[in-house]
């Protein structure tokens, strides 16, 4: 009975540690890195993709025949850089 009690206590401790670790999330990878309410792209542009990583949001969009990539800061929403995609 004592052995079964110790085994049960061990399982409870392991479950508690797993719940605690899963609720903490990764350092630097939390949703608090992204507080953008809106991003500006040219009117009439079609968004091809949007990716959030490392505190930045990268948006690829098409305006007519031109395709561009804009990189935004995830906290301030400021555009960091715009990269036009040119065909060879």
C-alpha atoms as a PDB file:
ATOM      1  CA  UNK A   1       0.000   0.000   0.000  1.00  0.00           C
ATOM      2  CA  UNK A   2       2.876   2.349   0.815  1.00  0.00           C
ATOM      3  CA  UNK A   3       4.510   1.561  -2.531  1.00  0.00           C
ATOM      4  CA  UNK A   4       1.285   2.273  -4.417  1.00  0.00           C
ATOM      5  CA  UNK A   5       0.934   5.557  -2.515  1.00  0.00           C
ATOM      6  CA  UNK A   6       4.479   6.621  -3.447  1.00  0.00           C
ATOM      7  CA  UNK A   7       3.846   5.682  -7.084  1.00  0.00           C
ATOM      8  CA  UNK A   8       0.657   7.743  -7.128  1.00  0.00           C
ATOM      9  CA  UNK A   9       2.436  10.748  -5.564  1.00  0.00           C
ATOM     10  CA  UNK A  10       5.194  10.407  -8.200  1.00  0.00           C
ATOM     11  CA  UNK A  11       2.644  10.463 -11.034  1.00  0.00           C
ATOM     12  CA  UNK A  12       0.952  13.525  -9.551  1.00  0.00           C
ATOM     13  CA  UNK A  13       4.297  15.351  -9.338  1.00  0.00           C
ATOM     14  CA  UNK A  14       5.186  14.467 -12.947  1.00  0.00           C
ATOM     15  CA  UNK A  15       1.772  15.633 -14.172  1.00  0.00           C
ATOM     16  CA  UNK A  16       2.168  18.898 -12.258  1.00  0.00           C
ATOM     17  CA  UNK A  17       5.600  19.528 -13.785  1.00  0.00           C
ATOM     18  CA  UNK A  18       4.261  18.839 -17.301  1.00  0.00           C
ATOM     19  CA  UNK A  19       1.351  21.240 -16.841  1.00  0.00           C
ATOM     20  CA  UNK A  20       3.664  23.919 -15.429  1.00  0.00           C
ATOM     21  CA  UNK A  21       6.174  23.587 -18.300  1.00  0.00           C
ATOM     22  CA  UNK A  22       3.506  23.652 -20.998  1.00  0.00           C
ATOM     23  CA  UNK A  23       1.904  26.771 -19.525  1.00  0.00           C
ATOM     24  CA  UNK A  24       5.206  28.708 -19.462  1.00  0.00           C
ATOM     25  CA  UNK A  25       5.826  28.735 -23.242  1.00  0.00           C
ATOM     26  CA  UNK A  26       9.152  29.508 -24.875  1.00  0.00           C
ATOM     27  CA  UNK A  27      11.206  32.536 -23.894  1.00  0.00           C
ATOM     28  CA  UNK A  28      11.004  35.153 -26.646  1.00  0.00           C
ATOM     29  CA  UNK A  29       8.369  33.222 -28.568  1.00  0.00           C
ATOM     30  CA  UNK A  30       5.242  34.362 -26.795  1.00  0.00           C
ATOM     31  CA  UNK A  31       2.251  36.078 -28.313  1.00  0.00           C
ATOM     32  CA  UNK A  32       3.347  39.260 -26.505  1.00  0.00           C
ATOM     33  CA  UNK A  33       5.926  39.705 -29.293  1.00  0.00           C
ATOM     34  CA  UNK A  34       3.086  40.586 -31.668  1.00  0.00           C
ATOM     35  CA  UNK A  35       0.692  43.421 -30.867  1.00  0.00           C
ATOM     36  CA  UNK A  36       0.138  44.816 -34.384  1.00  0.00           C
ATOM     37  CA  UNK A  37      -3.453  45.942 -34.882  1.00  0.00           C
ATOM     38  CA  UNK A  38      -3.102  46.604 -38.629  1.00  0.00           C
ATOM     39  CA  UNK A  39      -0.492  46.689 -41.394  1.00  0.00           C
ATOM     40  CA  UNK A  40      -0.559  48.891 -44.475  1.00  0.00           C
ATOM     41  CA  UNK A  41      -0.132  47.503 -47.977  1.00  0.00           C
ATOM     42  CA  UNK A  42      -0.932  49.302 -51.229  1.00  0.00           C
ATOM     43  CA  UNK A  43      -4.630  49.494 -52.130  1.00  0.00           C
ATOM     44  CA  UNK A  44      -5.678  46.807 -54.591  1.00  0.00           C
ATOM     45  CA  UNK A  45      -2.817  44.529 -53.522  1.00  0.00           C
ATOM     46  CA  UNK A  46      -3.435  40.833 -52.987  1.00  0.00           C
ATOM     47  CA  UNK A  47      -1.708  39.196 -50.000  1.00  0.00           C
ATOM     48  CA  UNK A  48       0.085  36.024 -51.086  1.00  0.00           C
ATOM     49  CA  UNK A  49       1.421  35.015 -47.649  1.00  0.00           C
ATOM     50  CA  UNK A  50       2.039  36.316 -44.141  1.00  0.00           C
ATOM     51  CA  UNK A  51       4.499  34.770 -41.680  1.00  0.00           C
ATOM     52  CA  UNK A  52       5.171  35.738 -38.049  1.00  0.00           C
ATOM     53  CA  UNK A  53       8.574  34.709 -36.666  1.00  0.00           C
ATOM     54  CA  UNK A  54      11.275  36.162 -34.396  1.00  0.00           C
ATOM     55  CA  UNK A  55       9.174  39.184 -33.468  1.00  0.00           C
ATOM     56  CA  UNK A  56       8.695  40.203 -37.097  1.00  0.00           C
ATOM     57  CA  UNK A  57       5.832  39.788 -39.572  1.00  0.00           C
ATOM     58  CA  UNK A  58       6.718  39.172 -43.208  1.00  0.00           C
ATOM     59  CA  UNK A  59       3.997  39.859 -45.791  1.00  0.00           C
ATOM     60  CA  UNK A  60       4.305  38.912 -49.461  1.00  0.00           C
ATOM     61  CA  UNK A  61       1.826  40.688 -51.715  1.00  0.00           C
ATOM     62  CA  UNK A  62       1.079  41.197 -55.399  1.00  0.00           C
ATOM     63  CA  UNK A  63       0.070  44.437 -57.082  1.00  0.00           C
ATOM     64  CA  UNK A  64      -0.669  43.737 -60.729  1.00  0.00           C
ATOM     65  CA  UNK A  65       2.444  42.071 -62.156  1.00  0.00           C
ATOM     66  CA  UNK A  66       4.699  43.306 -59.318  1.00  0.00           C
ATOM     67  CA  UNK A  67       5.368  41.100 -56.279  1.00  0.00           C
ATOM     68  CA  UNK A  68       6.935  42.538 -53.111  1.00  0.00           C
ATOM     69  CA  UNK A  69       7.829  41.479 -49.589  1.00  0.00           C
ATOM     70  CA  UNK A  70       7.393  43.782 -46.598  1.00  0.00           C
ATOM     71  CA  UNK A  71       8.883  43.093 -43.185  1.00  0.00           C
ATOM     72  CA  UNK A  72       7.162  44.680 -40.177  1.00  0.00           C
ATOM     73  CA  UNK A  73       8.190  44.963 -36.531  1.00  0.00           C
ATOM     74  CA  UNK A  74       5.813  42.770 -34.516  1.00  0.00           C
ATOM     75  CA  UNK A  75       5.446  45.205 -31.611  1.00  0.00           C
ATOM     76  CA  UNK A  76       5.303  48.624 -33.232  1.00  0.00           C
ATOM     77  CA  UNK A  77       3.863  47.728 -36.635  1.00  0.00           C
ATOM     78  CA  UNK A  78       6.528  49.840 -38.348  1.00  0.00           C
ATOM     79  CA  UNK A  79       7.681  48.666 -41.763  1.00  0.00           C
ATOM     80  CA  UNK A  80      11.332  47.667 -41.431  1.00  0.00           C
ATOM     81  CA  UNK A  81      12.022  46.922 -45.072  1.00  0.00           C
ATOM     82  CA  UNK A  82      10.361  46.424 -48.446  1.00  0.00           C
ATOM     83  CA  UNK A  83      11.918  44.067 -50.974  1.00  0.00           C
ATOM     84  CA  UNK A  84      10.660  44.024 -54.571  1.00  0.00           C
ATOM     85  CA  UNK A  85      10.824  40.638 -56.280  1.00  0.00           C
ATOM     86  CA  UNK A  86      12.228  40.927 -59.791  1.00  0.00           C
ATOM     87  CA  UNK A  87      12.124  38.300 -62.504  1.00  0.00           C
ATOM     88  CA  UNK A  88      15.302  37.397 -64.389  1.00  0.00           C
END
